[in-house]
C-alpha atoms as a PDB file:
ATOM      1  CA  MET A   1      74.141   3.433   4.504  1.00  0.00           C
ATOM      2  CA  PHE A   2      71.516   3.531   1.773  1.00  0.00           C
ATOM      3  CA  GLU A   3      72.826   2.310  -1.537  1.00  0.00           C
ATOM      4  CA  ARG A   4      69.907   2.943  -3.895  1.00  0.00           C
ATOM      5  CA  GLU A   5      69.863   6.739  -4.104  1.00  0.00           C
ATOM      6  CA  SER A   6      67.617   6.508  -7.192  1.00  0.00           C
ATOM      7  CA  ASP A   7      64.797   5.452  -4.863  1.00  0.00           C
ATOM      8  CA  TRP A   8      64.978   8.823  -3.081  1.00  0.00           C
ATOM      9  CA  MET A   9      62.950  11.376  -5.047  1.00  0.00           C
ATOM     10  CA  ILE A  10      63.869  14.479  -3.016  1.00  0.00           C
ATOM     11  CA  PRO A  11      66.769  16.582  -4.438  1.00  0.00           C
ATOM     12  CA  GLY A  12      70.051  16.767  -2.512  1.00  0.00           C
ATOM     13  CA  PRO A  13      69.575  20.257  -0.987  1.00  0.00           C
ATOM     14  CA  ALA A  14      66.153  19.243   0.304  1.00  0.00           C
ATOM     15  CA  VAL A  15      67.661  16.135   1.907  1.00  0.00           C
ATOM     16  CA  GLU A  16      69.949  18.359   3.959  1.00  0.00           C
ATOM     17  CA  ALA A  17      66.929  20.363   5.087  1.00  0.00           C
ATOM     18  CA  VAL A  18      65.163  17.117   6.039  1.00  0.00           C
ATOM     19  CA  LYS A  19      68.188  16.031   8.086  1.00  0.00           C
ATOM     20  CA  GLU A  20      68.059  19.273  10.021  1.00  0.00           C
ATOM     21  CA  GLN A  21      64.355  18.733  10.677  1.00  0.00           C
ATOM     22  CA  ILE A  22      65.114  15.176  11.825  1.00  0.00           C
ATOM     23  CA  ARG A  23      67.537  16.576  14.397  1.00  0.00           C
ATOM     24  CA  ARG A  24      64.777  18.795  15.768  1.00  0.00           C
ATOM     25  CA  TRP A  25      62.292  15.912  15.846  1.00  0.00           C
ATOM     26  CA  LEU A  26      64.794  13.717  17.651  1.00  0.00           C
ATOM     27  CA  ALA A  27      65.487  16.459  20.177  1.00  0.00           C
ATOM     28  CA  GLU A  28      61.747  16.720  20.844  1.00  0.00           C
ATOM     29  CA  ASP A  29      61.526  12.965  21.490  1.00  0.00           C
ATOM     30  CA  ILE A  30      64.821  12.266  23.241  1.00  0.00           C
ATOM     31  CA  GLY A  31      65.174  15.372  25.365  1.00  0.00           C
ATOM     32  CA  SER A  32      67.936  14.706  27.913  1.00  0.00           C
ATOM     33  CA  GLY A  33      68.100  11.018  27.001  1.00  0.00           C
ATOM     34  CA  ASP A  34      66.203   7.760  26.424  1.00  0.00           C
ATOM     35  CA  VAL A  35      65.875   6.853  30.100  1.00  0.00           C
ATOM     36  CA  THR A  36      64.193   3.490  29.490  1.00  0.00           C
ATOM     37  CA  THR A  37      66.870   2.202  27.162  1.00  0.00           C
ATOM     38  CA  MET A  38      69.696   3.579  29.317  1.00  0.00           C
ATOM     39  CA  ALA A  39      68.172   1.927  32.389  1.00  0.00           C
ATOM     40  CA  THR A  40      67.512  -1.483  30.862  1.00  0.00           C
ATOM     41  CA  VAL A  41      69.979  -2.158  28.015  1.00  0.00           C
ATOM     42  CA  PRO A  42      73.671  -2.771  28.818  1.00  0.00           C
ATOM     43  CA  PRO A  43      76.181  -0.386  27.215  1.00  0.00           C
ATOM     44  CA  GLY A  44      77.716  -1.837  24.069  1.00  0.00           C
ATOM     45  CA  HIS A  45      74.763  -4.138  23.378  1.00  0.00           C
ATOM     46  CA  VAL A  46      74.167  -4.714  19.657  1.00  0.00           C
ATOM     47  CA  SER A  47      71.077  -5.869  17.786  1.00  0.00           C
ATOM     48  CA  ARG A  48      69.529  -6.286  14.381  1.00  0.00           C
ATOM     49  CA  GLY A  49      66.255  -4.402  13.931  1.00  0.00           C
ATOM     50  CA  ILE A  50      63.836  -5.883  11.418  1.00  0.00           C
ATOM     51  CA  ILE A  51      61.425  -3.285  10.003  1.00  0.00           C
ATOM     52  CA  HIS A  52      58.385  -4.979   8.498  1.00  0.00           C
ATOM     53  CA  ALA A  53      54.895  -4.186   7.261  1.00  0.00           C
ATOM     54  CA  LYS A  54      51.981  -5.408   9.353  1.00  0.00           C
ATOM     55  CA  GLN A  55      49.459  -4.725   6.611  1.00  0.00           C
ATOM     56  CA  SER A  56      49.492  -4.422   2.825  1.00  0.00           C
ATOM     57  CA  GLY A  57      50.035  -1.108   1.100  1.00  0.00           C
ATOM     58  CA  ILE A  58      52.548   1.077  -0.721  1.00  0.00           C
ATOM     59  CA  ALA A  59      55.900   1.548   1.000  1.00  0.00           C
ATOM     60  CA  ALA A  60      57.234   5.086   1.434  1.00  0.00           C
ATOM     61  CA  GLY A  61      59.824   6.741   3.635  1.00  0.00           C
ATOM     62  CA  ILE A  62      62.405   3.950   3.672  1.00  0.00           C
ATOM     63  CA  PRO A  63      65.287   6.305   2.775  1.00  0.00           C
ATOM     64  CA  LEU A  64      63.894   8.687   5.389  1.00  0.00           C
ATOM     65  CA  ALA A  65      64.199   5.982   8.049  1.00  0.00           C
ATOM     66  CA  CYS A  66      67.800   5.529   6.950  1.00  0.00           C
ATOM     67  CA  LEU A  67      68.397   9.240   7.487  1.00  0.00           C
ATOM     68  CA  VAL A  68      66.866   9.054  10.968  1.00  0.00           C
ATOM     69  CA  PHE A  69      69.104   6.208  12.094  1.00  0.00           C
ATOM     70  CA  GLY A  70      72.124   7.871  10.492  1.00  0.00           C
ATOM     71  CA  VAL A  71      71.503  11.070  12.442  1.00  0.00           C
ATOM     72  CA  VAL A  72      71.130   9.080  15.685  1.00  0.00           C
ATOM     73  CA  ASP A  73      74.337   7.105  15.125  1.00  0.00           C
ATOM     74  CA  GLU A  74      76.249   7.171  11.858  1.00  0.00           C
ATOM     75  CA  SER A  75      77.838   3.790  12.660  1.00  0.00           C
ATOM     76  CA  LEU A  76      74.480   2.007  12.315  1.00  0.00           C
ATOM     77  CA  ARG A  77      74.207  -0.156   9.214  1.00  0.00           C
ATOM     78  CA  PHE A  78      70.946   0.229   7.286  1.00  0.00           C
ATOM     79  CA  GLN A  79      69.951  -2.114   4.472  1.00  0.00           C
ATOM     80  CA  ALA A  80      66.775  -1.546   2.458  1.00  0.00           C
ATOM     81  CA  HIS A  81      64.865  -4.672   1.426  1.00  0.00           C
ATOM     82  CA  ALA A  82      62.137  -2.742  -0.424  1.00  0.00           C
ATOM     83  CA  ALA A  83      61.985   0.517  -2.348  1.00  0.00           C
ATOM     84  CA  ASP A  84      59.632   3.445  -1.976  1.00  0.00           C
ATOM     85  CA  GLY A  85      56.695   2.829  -4.289  1.00  0.00           C
ATOM     86  CA  ASP A  86      56.733  -0.958  -3.872  1.00  0.00           C
ATOM     87  CA  ARG A  87      53.435  -2.653  -3.165  1.00  0.00           C
ATOM     88  CA  VAL A  88      54.080  -4.703  -0.012  1.00  0.00           C
ATOM     89  CA  GLU A  89      52.100  -7.339   1.828  1.00  0.00           C
ATOM     90  CA  ARG A  90      51.736  -8.076   5.523  1.00  0.00           C
ATOM     91  CA  GLY A  91      55.017  -9.490   6.793  1.00  0.00           C
ATOM     92  CA  THR A  92      57.206  -7.949   4.092  1.00  0.00           C
ATOM     93  CA  VAL A  93      60.611  -6.929   5.444  1.00  0.00           C
ATOM     94  CA  LEU A  94      61.179  -3.323   4.432  1.00  0.00           C
ATOM     95  CA  ALA A  95      64.623  -2.778   5.921  1.00  0.00           C
ATOM     96  CA  VAL A  96      67.141  -4.038   8.445  1.00  0.00           C
ATOM     97  CA  VAL A  97      69.206  -1.828  10.757  1.00  0.00           C
ATOM     98  CA  GLU A  98      72.158  -3.229  12.697  1.00  0.00           C
ATOM     99  CA  GLY A  99      74.401  -1.907  15.427  1.00  0.00           C
ATOM    100  CA  SER A 100      74.038  -0.274  18.813  1.00  0.00           C
ATOM    101  CA  THR A 101      70.797  -1.334  20.486  1.00  0.00           C
ATOM    102  CA  HIS A 102      70.714   2.012  22.287  1.00  0.00           C
ATOM    103  CA  ALA A 103      70.822   3.870  18.967  1.00  0.00           C
ATOM    104  CA  ILE A 104      68.254   1.624  17.265  1.00  0.00           C
ATOM    105  CA  LEU A 105      65.735   2.006  20.073  1.00  0.00           C
ATOM    106  CA  THR A 106      66.331   5.748  20.300  1.00  0.00           C
ATOM    107  CA  GLY A 107      65.569   6.290  16.598  1.00  0.00           C
ATOM    108  CA  GLU A 108      62.889   3.609  16.276  1.00  0.00           C
ATOM    109  CA  ARG A 109      59.781   5.661  16.966  1.00  0.00           C
ATOM    110  CA  LEU A 110      60.650   8.630  14.761  1.00  0.00           C
ATOM    111  CA  ALA A 111      61.669   6.352  11.883  1.00  0.00           C
ATOM    112  CA  LEU A 112      58.462   4.315  12.167  1.00  0.00           C
ATOM    113  CA  ASN A 113      56.215   7.358  12.606  1.00  0.00           C
ATOM    114  CA  LEU A 114      57.542   8.868   9.392  1.00  0.00           C
ATOM    115  CA  MET A 115      57.377   5.617   7.428  1.00  0.00           C
ATOM    116  CA  GLN A 116      53.853   4.874   8.633  1.00  0.00           C
ATOM    117  CA  ARG A 117      52.537   8.312   7.703  1.00  0.00           C
ATOM    118  CA  LEU A 118      54.232   8.501   4.312  1.00  0.00           C
ATOM    119  CA  SER A 119      53.252   4.932   3.456  1.00  0.00           C
ATOM    120  CA  GLY A 120      49.668   5.749   4.390  1.00  0.00           C
ATOM    121  CA  ILE A 121      49.654   8.725   2.025  1.00  0.00           C
ATOM    122  CA  ALA A 122      51.275   6.719  -0.762  1.00  0.00           C
ATOM    123  CA  THR A 123      48.780   3.892  -0.265  1.00  0.00           C
ATOM    124  CA  LYS A 124      45.788   6.230  -0.433  1.00  0.00           C
ATOM    125  CA  THR A 125      47.207   7.973  -3.481  1.00  0.00           C
ATOM    126  CA  ARG A 126      47.681   4.658  -5.268  1.00  0.00           C
ATOM    127  CA  ALA A 127      44.023   3.804  -4.589  1.00  0.00           C
ATOM    128  CA  TYR A 128      42.998   6.973  -6.453  1.00  0.00           C
ATOM    129  CA  VAL A 129      45.460   6.315  -9.264  1.00  0.00           C
ATOM    130  CA  ASP A 130      44.207   2.748  -9.668  1.00  0.00           C
ATOM    131  CA  ALA A 131      40.603   3.964  -9.627  1.00  0.00           C
ATOM    132  CA  ALA A 132      41.352   6.253 -12.589  1.00  0.00           C
ATOM    133  CA  GLY A 133      42.217   3.194 -14.658  1.00  0.00           C
ATOM    134  CA  ASP A 134      43.140   4.015 -18.251  1.00  0.00           C
ATOM    135  CA  TYR A 135      41.695   7.531 -18.235  1.00  0.00           C
ATOM    136  CA  PRO A 136      44.412  10.109 -19.071  1.00  0.00           C
ATOM    137  CA  VAL A 137      43.966  12.002 -15.824  1.00  0.00           C
ATOM    138  CA  ARG A 138      46.428  13.021 -13.128  1.00  0.00           C
ATOM    139  CA  ILE A 139      45.727  12.539  -9.431  1.00  0.00           C
ATOM    140  CA  ALA A 140      47.080  15.534  -7.516  1.00  0.00           C
ATOM    141  CA  ASP A 141      47.419  16.671  -3.933  1.00  0.00           C
ATOM    142  CA  THR A 142      46.583  20.091  -2.445  1.00  0.00           C
ATOM    143  CA  ARG A 143      47.977  22.427   0.229  1.00  0.00           C
ATOM    144  CA  LYS A 144      46.001  20.575   2.900  1.00  0.00           C
ATOM    145  CA  THR A 145      49.136  19.157   4.471  1.00  0.00           C
ATOM    146  CA  THR A 146      50.426  18.857   8.024  1.00  0.00           C
ATOM    147  CA  PRO A 147      52.276  22.083   8.924  1.00  0.00           C
ATOM    148  CA  GLY A 148      56.013  21.463   8.701  1.00  0.00           C
ATOM    149  CA  HIS A 149      55.596  18.191   6.771  1.00  0.00           C
ATOM    150  CA  ARG A 150      54.579  19.445   3.327  1.00  0.00           C
ATOM    151  CA  THR A 151      57.772  18.434   1.517  1.00  0.00           C
ATOM    152  CA  LEU A 152      57.580  14.876   2.825  1.00  0.00           C
ATOM    153  CA  GLU A 153      53.830  14.472   2.354  1.00  0.00           C
ATOM    154  CA  LYS A 154      53.990  15.724  -1.221  1.00  0.00           C
ATOM    155  CA  TYR A 155      56.907  13.361  -1.784  1.00  0.00           C
ATOM    156  CA  ALA A 156      54.705  10.488  -0.564  1.00  0.00           C
ATOM    157  CA  VAL A 157      52.004  11.475  -3.051  1.00  0.00           C
ATOM    158  CA  ARG A 158      54.533  11.124  -5.867  1.00  0.00           C
ATOM    159  CA  VAL A 159      55.648   7.766  -4.491  1.00  0.00           C
ATOM    160  CA  GLY A 160      52.024   6.641  -4.719  1.00  0.00           C
ATOM    161  CA  GLY A 161      51.834   7.617  -8.386  1.00  0.00           C
ATOM    162  CA  GLY A 162      50.230  11.016  -7.933  1.00  0.00           C
ATOM    163  CA  TYR A 163      51.343  14.530  -8.839  1.00  0.00           C
ATOM    164  CA  ASN A 164      51.918  17.670  -6.843  1.00  0.00           C
ATOM    165  CA  HIS A 165      49.702  20.724  -7.138  1.00  0.00           C
ATOM    166  CA  ARG A 166      51.293  24.068  -6.314  1.00  0.00           C
ATOM    167  CA  PHE A 167      53.689  23.783  -3.407  1.00  0.00           C
ATOM    168  CA  GLY A 168      52.591  26.988  -1.686  1.00  0.00           C
ATOM    169  CA  LEU A 169      51.033  30.387  -2.185  1.00  0.00           C
ATOM    170  CA  PHE A 170      54.092  31.595  -4.090  1.00  0.00           C
ATOM    171  CA  ASP A 171      54.361  29.410  -7.181  1.00  0.00           C
ATOM    172  CA  ALA A 172      51.009  29.801  -8.956  1.00  0.00           C
ATOM    173  CA  VAL A 173      47.938  32.023  -8.922  1.00  0.00           C
ATOM    174  CA  MET A 174      44.844  30.173  -7.757  1.00  0.00           C
ATOM    175  CA  ILE A 175      41.793  32.400  -7.649  1.00  0.00           C
ATOM    176  CA  LYS A 176      39.185  31.015  -5.265  1.00  0.00           C
ATOM    177  CA  ASP A 177      35.748  32.203  -4.228  1.00  0.00           C
ATOM    178  CA  ASN A 178      36.987  34.699  -1.652  1.00  0.00           C
ATOM    179  CA  HIS A 179      39.444  36.229  -4.115  1.00  0.00           C
ATOM    180  CA  ILE A 180      36.623  36.554  -6.630  1.00  0.00           C
ATOM    181  CA  LYS A 181      34.440  38.337  -4.075  1.00  0.00           C
ATOM    182  CA  ALA A 182      37.216  40.679  -2.991  1.00  0.00           C
ATOM    183  CA  ALA A 183      38.306  41.475  -6.556  1.00  0.00           C
ATOM    184  CA  GLY A 184      34.798  42.175  -7.830  1.00  0.00           C
ATOM    185  CA  GLY A 185      34.326  39.136 -10.043  1.00  0.00           C
ATOM    186  CA  ILE A 186      36.194  36.519 -12.033  1.00  0.00           C
ATOM    187  CA  THR A 187      37.058  38.729 -14.990  1.00  0.00           C
ATOM    188  CA  ALA A 188      38.433  41.470 -12.750  1.00  0.00           C
ATOM    189  CA  ALA A 189      40.412  38.988 -10.653  1.00  0.00           C
ATOM    190  CA  VAL A 190      42.052  37.333 -13.665  1.00  0.00           C
ATOM    191  CA  ALA A 191      42.876  40.671 -15.294  1.00  0.00           C
ATOM    192  CA  SER A 192      44.429  41.978 -12.095  1.00  0.00           C
ATOM    193  CA  ALA A 193      46.488  38.832 -11.612  1.00  0.00           C
ATOM    194  CA  LYS A 194      47.798  38.691 -15.176  1.00  0.00           C
ATOM    195  CA  ALA A 195      48.837  42.335 -14.972  1.00  0.00           C
ATOM    196  CA  ARG A 196      51.004  41.666 -11.921  1.00  0.00           C
ATOM    197  CA  ILE A 197      52.594  38.222 -12.352  1.00  0.00           C
ATOM    198  CA  PRO A 198      55.436  36.986 -14.585  1.00  0.00           C
ATOM    199  CA  HIS A 199      54.417  35.601 -17.950  1.00  0.00           C
ATOM    200  CA  THR A 200      55.795  32.214 -16.863  1.00  0.00           C
ATOM    201  CA  MET A 201      53.275  31.849 -14.016  1.00  0.00           C
ATOM    202  CA  SER A 202      49.903  30.167 -14.530  1.00  0.00           C
ATOM    203  CA  VAL A 203      46.511  31.438 -13.419  1.00  0.00           C
ATOM    204  CA  GLU A 204      43.917  28.986 -12.123  1.00  0.00           C
ATOM    205  CA  VAL A 205      40.307  29.884 -11.348  1.00  0.00           C
ATOM    206  CA  GLU A 206      37.921  27.940  -9.152  1.00  0.00           C
ATOM    207  CA  ALA A 207      34.498  27.606 -10.784  1.00  0.00           C
ATOM    208  CA  GLU A 208      31.324  26.253  -9.210  1.00  0.00           C
ATOM    209  CA  THR A 209      29.136  26.536 -12.306  1.00  0.00           C
ATOM    210  CA  VAL A 210      29.431  26.192 -16.071  1.00  0.00           C
ATOM    211  CA  GLU A 211      28.931  29.940 -16.401  1.00  0.00           C
ATOM    212  CA  GLN A 212      31.831  30.690 -14.078  1.00  0.00           C
ATOM    213  CA  ALA A 213      34.059  28.261 -15.954  1.00  0.00           C
ATOM    214  CA  LEU A 214      33.305  29.953 -19.254  1.00  0.00           C
ATOM    215  CA  GLU A 215      33.889  33.405 -17.769  1.00  0.00           C
ATOM    216  CA  ALA A 216      37.249  32.263 -16.435  1.00  0.00           C
ATOM    217  CA  VAL A 217      38.310  30.952 -19.839  1.00  0.00           C
ATOM    218  CA  ARG A 218      37.201  34.103 -21.639  1.00  0.00           C
ATOM    219  CA  ALA A 219      39.130  36.156 -19.071  1.00  0.00           C
ATOM    220  CA  GLY A 220      42.306  34.259 -19.952  1.00  0.00           C
ATOM    221  CA  ALA A 221      42.690  31.663 -17.204  1.00  0.00           C
ATOM    222  CA  HIS A 222      45.158  28.883 -17.963  1.00  0.00           C
ATOM    223  CA  ILE A 223      43.512  26.339 -15.643  1.00  0.00           C
ATOM    224  CA  VAL A 224      39.897  26.002 -14.539  1.00  0.00           C
ATOM    225  CA  MET A 225      38.964  23.989 -11.472  1.00  0.00           C
ATOM    226  CA  PHE A 226      35.473  22.503 -11.328  1.00  0.00           C
ATOM    227  CA  ASP A 227      34.781  22.766  -7.613  1.00  0.00           C
ATOM    228  CA  ASN A 228      32.083  20.600  -6.021  1.00  0.00           C
ATOM    229  CA  MET A 229      30.317  20.111  -9.350  1.00  0.00           C
ATOM    230  CA  THR A 230      28.489  16.915 -10.247  1.00  0.00           C
ATOM    231  CA  PRO A 231      30.082  14.681 -12.895  1.00  0.00           C
ATOM    232  CA  GLU A 232      27.232  15.629 -15.251  1.00  0.00           C
ATOM    233  CA  ALA A 233      27.916  19.337 -14.749  1.00  0.00           C
ATOM    234  CA  MET A 234      31.654  18.753 -15.191  1.00  0.00           C
ATOM    235  CA  LYS A 235      31.044  16.963 -18.487  1.00  0.00           C
ATOM    236  CA  ALA A 236      28.887  19.800 -19.764  1.00  0.00           C
ATOM    237  CA  ALA A 237      31.382  22.415 -18.634  1.00  0.00           C
ATOM    238  CA  ALA A 238      34.326  20.512 -20.119  1.00  0.00           C
ATOM    239  CA  ALA A 239      32.621  20.251 -23.497  1.00  0.00           C
ATOM    240  CA  GLN A 240      31.819  23.958 -23.610  1.00  0.00           C
ATOM    241  CA  VAL A 241      35.256  25.027 -22.431  1.00  0.00           C
ATOM    242  CA  ARG A 242      37.006  22.748 -24.931  1.00  0.00           C
ATOM    243  CA  ALA A 243      34.915  24.249 -27.728  1.00  0.00           C
ATOM    244  CA  ILE A 244      36.369  27.720 -27.188  1.00  0.00           C
ATOM    245  CA  ALA A 245      39.715  26.990 -25.472  1.00  0.00           C
ATOM    246  CA  PRO A 246      40.987  23.453 -26.052  1.00  0.00           C
ATOM    247  CA  HIS A 247      44.358  24.321 -24.502  1.00  0.00           C
ATOM    248  CA  VAL A 248      42.957  25.104 -21.043  1.00  0.00           C
ATOM    249  CA  VAL A 249      43.723  22.553 -18.330  1.00  0.00           C
ATOM    250  CA  LEU A 250      40.631  21.310 -16.516  1.00  0.00           C
ATOM    251  CA  GLU A 251      40.746  20.186 -12.910  1.00  0.00           C
ATOM    252  CA  ALA A 252      38.109  18.551 -10.698  1.00  0.00           C
ATOM    253  CA  SER A 253      38.063  18.904  -6.933  1.00  0.00           C
ATOM    254  CA  GLY A 254      35.758  18.872  -3.944  1.00  0.00           C
ATOM    255  CA  GLY A 255      35.822  15.928  -1.550  1.00  0.00           C
ATOM    256  CA  LEU A 256      36.103  13.278  -4.251  1.00  0.00           C
ATOM    257  CA  LYS A 257      36.443   9.657  -3.100  1.00  0.00           C
ATOM    258  CA  PRO A 258      38.144   6.780  -4.965  1.00  0.00           C
ATOM    259  CA  GLU A 259      34.822   5.299  -6.004  1.00  0.00           C
ATOM    260  CA  GLN A 260      33.960   8.577  -7.768  1.00  0.00           C
ATOM    261  CA  VAL A 261      37.231   8.937  -9.642  1.00  0.00           C
ATOM    262  CA  ALA A 262      36.345   6.943 -12.766  1.00  0.00           C
ATOM    263  CA  GLU A 263      33.097   8.816 -13.352  1.00  0.00           C
ATOM    264  CA  VAL A 264      34.795  12.174 -12.843  1.00  0.00           C
ATOM    265  CA  ALA A 265      37.695  11.192 -15.111  1.00  0.00           C
ATOM    266  CA  ALA A 266      35.181  10.258 -17.800  1.00  0.00           C
ATOM    267  CA  SER A 267      33.864  13.828 -17.772  1.00  0.00           C
ATOM    268  CA  GLY A 268      36.946  14.994 -19.639  1.00  0.00           C
ATOM    269  CA  VAL A 269      39.044  16.649 -16.941  1.00  0.00           C
ATOM    270  CA  ASP A 270      42.829  16.524 -16.970  1.00  0.00           C
ATOM    271  CA  VAL A 271      43.471  16.566 -13.231  1.00  0.00           C
ATOM    272  CA  ILE A 272      41.633  15.315 -10.152  1.00  0.00           C
ATOM    273  CA  SER A 273      42.881  16.907  -6.927  1.00  0.00           C
ATOM    274  CA  ALA A 274      42.076  15.542  -3.498  1.00  0.00           C
ATOM    275  CA  GLY A 275      43.009  17.116  -0.184  1.00  0.00           C
ATOM    276  CA  SER A 276      42.201  13.848   1.554  1.00  0.00           C
ATOM    277  CA  LEU A 277      45.423  12.328   0.196  1.00  0.00           C
ATOM    278  CA  THR A 278      47.309  14.220   2.886  1.00  0.00           C
ATOM    279  CA  HIS A 279      44.709  15.102   5.501  1.00  0.00           C
ATOM    280  CA  SER A 280      42.544  11.993   5.831  1.00  0.00           C
ATOM    281  CA  PHE A 281      44.811   9.033   5.202  1.00  0.00           C
ATOM    282  CA  GLN A 282      45.260   5.981   7.436  1.00  0.00           C
ATOM    283  CA  ALA A 283      48.847   5.359   8.498  1.00  0.00           C
ATOM    284  CA  LEU A 284      50.222   2.008   7.373  1.00  0.00           C
ATOM    285  CA  ASP A 285      51.020  -0.318  10.275  1.00  0.00           C
ATOM    286  CA  ILE A 286      54.794  -0.853  10.332  1.00  0.00           C
ATOM    287  CA  SER A 287      56.858  -2.339  13.160  1.00  0.00           C
ATOM    288  CA  LEU A 288      60.475  -2.895  14.195  1.00  0.00           C
ATOM    289  CA  ASP A 289      61.425  -6.095  16.009  1.00  0.00           C
ATOM    290  CA  LEU A 290      64.840  -6.729  17.522  1.00  0.00           C
ATOM    291  CA  ASN A 291      66.821  -9.877  16.900  1.00  0.00           C
ATOM    292  CA  GLU A 292      69.665  -9.923  19.403  1.00  0.00           C
ATOM    293  CA  MET A 293      73.134 -10.362  17.906  1.00  0.00           C
ATOM    294  CA  LYS A 294      76.011 -12.193  19.591  1.00  0.00           C
ATOM    295  CA  GLY A 295      78.671 -10.102  21.251  1.00  0.00           C
ATOM    296  CA  VAL A 296      78.911  -6.383  21.774  1.00  0.00           C
ATOM    297  CA  ASN A 297      80.331  -3.456  19.881  1.00  0.00           C
ATOM    298  CA  PRO A 298      84.101  -3.270  20.199  1.00  0.00           C
END
């Protein structure tokens, strides 16, 4: 149904997990049946559904829409007219789905909801990436995702040109202010973490001041996050950290907006993370319009 598998950035096993989630989402929406469609559309009726953008942005979730329609009715024919990551304008046809009108209308809302949300995330991410210009800095997401949607939302960030931070609590140590308080300080927290984790796992420390950043580096942190620091403070901290530990990765975070990205990138950080990529995006307006086809399914 979807011929360009290279456009789909999620590995095969994860796709199977997404299909299972789609079945649950469809069950939530359909329940005992789509009563409106069953009451108004004759059995055997066939249509062509045109999925198009109603505003400009970055497309994402097109293969996901294909999966939705395939789960609803595997006989539906889905043709992509755009790829995830494409910059699209108002009126751009993203995909066409043909076959049973009942099946198209039953899967329409879930397919559009997912495409709209993922495209919104990808569009916001691209705005941050574009704002960084030629600075060698990565734009990254955070764990501030919709429960149950993290895999897809982090996928959309990548589609938009961004990078993924840790996926969950299990794949990296990130020592934040509350950990520091509970452990008795930055040095104690880093020492405790490094004594308990595999040598392949990184340790990141959140720092709110230059002094905290330097303490984290001296304690052996691999990554230091400048949290809610001004660009001037970040620049000063970056210079001092680089002087004693040029290998340490520096990250900036704390409610940063696109218009602040260039100034923050100029401070010398390697990564700019923004929770707003996945918690404060505007869904892209996408619609599906039916064009009736002659005849009915055999």
